[in-house]
């Protein structure tokens, strides 16, 4: 399953400040399993106050299944 996740920035005037081909590294843990994933922002710096990540879910993924 693929989802677009919206993440809030510290204020409505903040932008993500990332260039094309950048990624966000997200980490997580569950039941002793630790994992991380690199996700591509699909929003632009024109969108203030939040950014969006495209996340492809994997049934056995530690991070992506949340």
C-alpha atoms as a PDB file:
ATOM      1  CA  UNK A   1       0.000   0.000   0.000  1.00  0.00           C
ATOM      2  CA  UNK A   2       1.317   3.438  -0.906  1.00  0.00           C
ATOM      3  CA  UNK A   3       0.351   6.516   1.131  1.00  0.00           C
ATOM      4  CA  UNK A   4       1.080  10.226   1.197  1.00  0.00           C
ATOM      5  CA  UNK A   5       1.875  11.222   4.793  1.00  0.00           C
ATOM      6  CA  UNK A   6       1.523  14.876   5.855  1.00  0.00           C
ATOM      7  CA  UNK A   7       3.962  16.091   8.523  1.00  0.00           C
ATOM      8  CA  UNK A   8       3.648  19.384  10.376  1.00  0.00           C
ATOM      9  CA  UNK A   9       6.612  21.775  10.561  1.00  0.00           C
ATOM     10  CA  UNK A  10       7.348  23.932  13.657  1.00  0.00           C
ATOM     11  CA  UNK A  11       5.287  26.884  12.384  1.00  0.00           C
ATOM     12  CA  UNK A  12       3.033  27.920   9.516  1.00  0.00           C
ATOM     13  CA  UNK A  13       5.892  30.013   8.068  1.00  0.00           C
ATOM     14  CA  UNK A  14       8.462  27.179   7.894  1.00  0.00           C
ATOM     15  CA  UNK A  15       9.252  25.434   4.614  1.00  0.00           C
ATOM     16  CA  UNK A  16      10.969  22.085   4.228  1.00  0.00           C
ATOM     17  CA  UNK A  17      14.011  23.665   2.556  1.00  0.00           C
ATOM     18  CA  UNK A  18      14.928  20.566   0.575  1.00  0.00           C
ATOM     19  CA  UNK A  19      16.053  20.314  -3.030  1.00  0.00           C
ATOM     20  CA  UNK A  20      14.875  17.893  -5.687  1.00  0.00           C
ATOM     21  CA  UNK A  21      16.253  14.375  -5.111  1.00  0.00           C
ATOM     22  CA  UNK A  22      16.515  14.901  -1.346  1.00  0.00           C
ATOM     23  CA  UNK A  23      15.090  12.390   1.105  1.00  0.00           C
ATOM     24  CA  UNK A  24      13.958  12.226   4.719  1.00  0.00           C
ATOM     25  CA  UNK A  25      15.317   9.393   6.857  1.00  0.00           C
ATOM     26  CA  UNK A  26      12.673   8.048   9.249  1.00  0.00           C
ATOM     27  CA  UNK A  27      13.409   5.536  12.000  1.00  0.00           C
ATOM     28  CA  UNK A  28      11.182   3.363  14.122  1.00  0.00           C
ATOM     29  CA  UNK A  29      11.085   0.434  16.489  1.00  0.00           C
ATOM     30  CA  UNK A  30       8.488  -2.147  17.389  1.00  0.00           C
ATOM     31  CA  UNK A  31       8.774  -5.264  19.486  1.00  0.00           C
ATOM     32  CA  UNK A  32      12.547  -5.188  19.490  1.00  0.00           C
ATOM     33  CA  UNK A  33      12.786  -4.676  15.721  1.00  0.00           C
ATOM     34  CA  UNK A  34      14.541  -1.472  14.671  1.00  0.00           C
ATOM     35  CA  UNK A  35      14.419  -0.107  11.157  1.00  0.00           C
ATOM     36  CA  UNK A  36      14.660   2.977   9.030  1.00  0.00           C
ATOM     37  CA  UNK A  37      13.576   4.107   5.610  1.00  0.00           C
ATOM     38  CA  UNK A  38      14.433   6.912   3.220  1.00  0.00           C
ATOM     39  CA  UNK A  39      11.338   8.677   1.920  1.00  0.00           C
ATOM     40  CA  UNK A  40      10.996  11.242  -0.850  1.00  0.00           C
ATOM     41  CA  UNK A  41       9.169  14.495  -0.128  1.00  0.00           C
ATOM     42  CA  UNK A  42       6.418  15.106  -2.711  1.00  0.00           C
ATOM     43  CA  UNK A  43       5.670  18.649  -1.551  1.00  0.00           C
ATOM     44  CA  UNK A  44       7.522  21.781  -2.619  1.00  0.00           C
ATOM     45  CA  UNK A  45       8.967  24.692  -0.643  1.00  0.00           C
ATOM     46  CA  UNK A  46       5.928  26.704  -1.748  1.00  0.00           C
ATOM     47  CA  UNK A  47       3.891  24.749   0.797  1.00  0.00           C
ATOM     48  CA  UNK A  48       4.460  26.371   4.169  1.00  0.00           C
ATOM     49  CA  UNK A  49       3.842  24.772   7.557  1.00  0.00           C
ATOM     50  CA  UNK A  50       3.959  21.155   6.415  1.00  0.00           C
ATOM     51  CA  UNK A  51       5.557  18.675   4.047  1.00  0.00           C
ATOM     52  CA  UNK A  52       4.332  15.467   2.471  1.00  0.00           C
ATOM     53  CA  UNK A  53       6.161  12.170   2.087  1.00  0.00           C
ATOM     54  CA  UNK A  54       5.375   9.368  -0.333  1.00  0.00           C
ATOM     55  CA  UNK A  55       5.589   6.105   1.622  1.00  0.00           C
ATOM     56  CA  UNK A  56       5.288   2.652   0.108  1.00  0.00           C
ATOM     57  CA  UNK A  57       4.191   0.164   2.747  1.00  0.00           C
ATOM     58  CA  UNK A  58       5.674  -3.287   3.103  1.00  0.00           C
ATOM     59  CA  UNK A  59       3.888  -5.931   5.227  1.00  0.00           C
ATOM     60  CA  UNK A  60       7.106  -6.844   7.053  1.00  0.00           C
ATOM     61  CA  UNK A  61       8.508  -3.299   7.178  1.00  0.00           C
ATOM     62  CA  UNK A  62       9.244  -1.902  10.633  1.00  0.00           C
ATOM     63  CA  UNK A  63       8.669   1.736   9.656  1.00  0.00           C
ATOM     64  CA  UNK A  64       6.443   1.709   6.565  1.00  0.00           C
ATOM     65  CA  UNK A  65       3.585  -0.329   8.035  1.00  0.00           C
ATOM     66  CA  UNK A  66       2.711   2.450  10.505  1.00  0.00           C
END
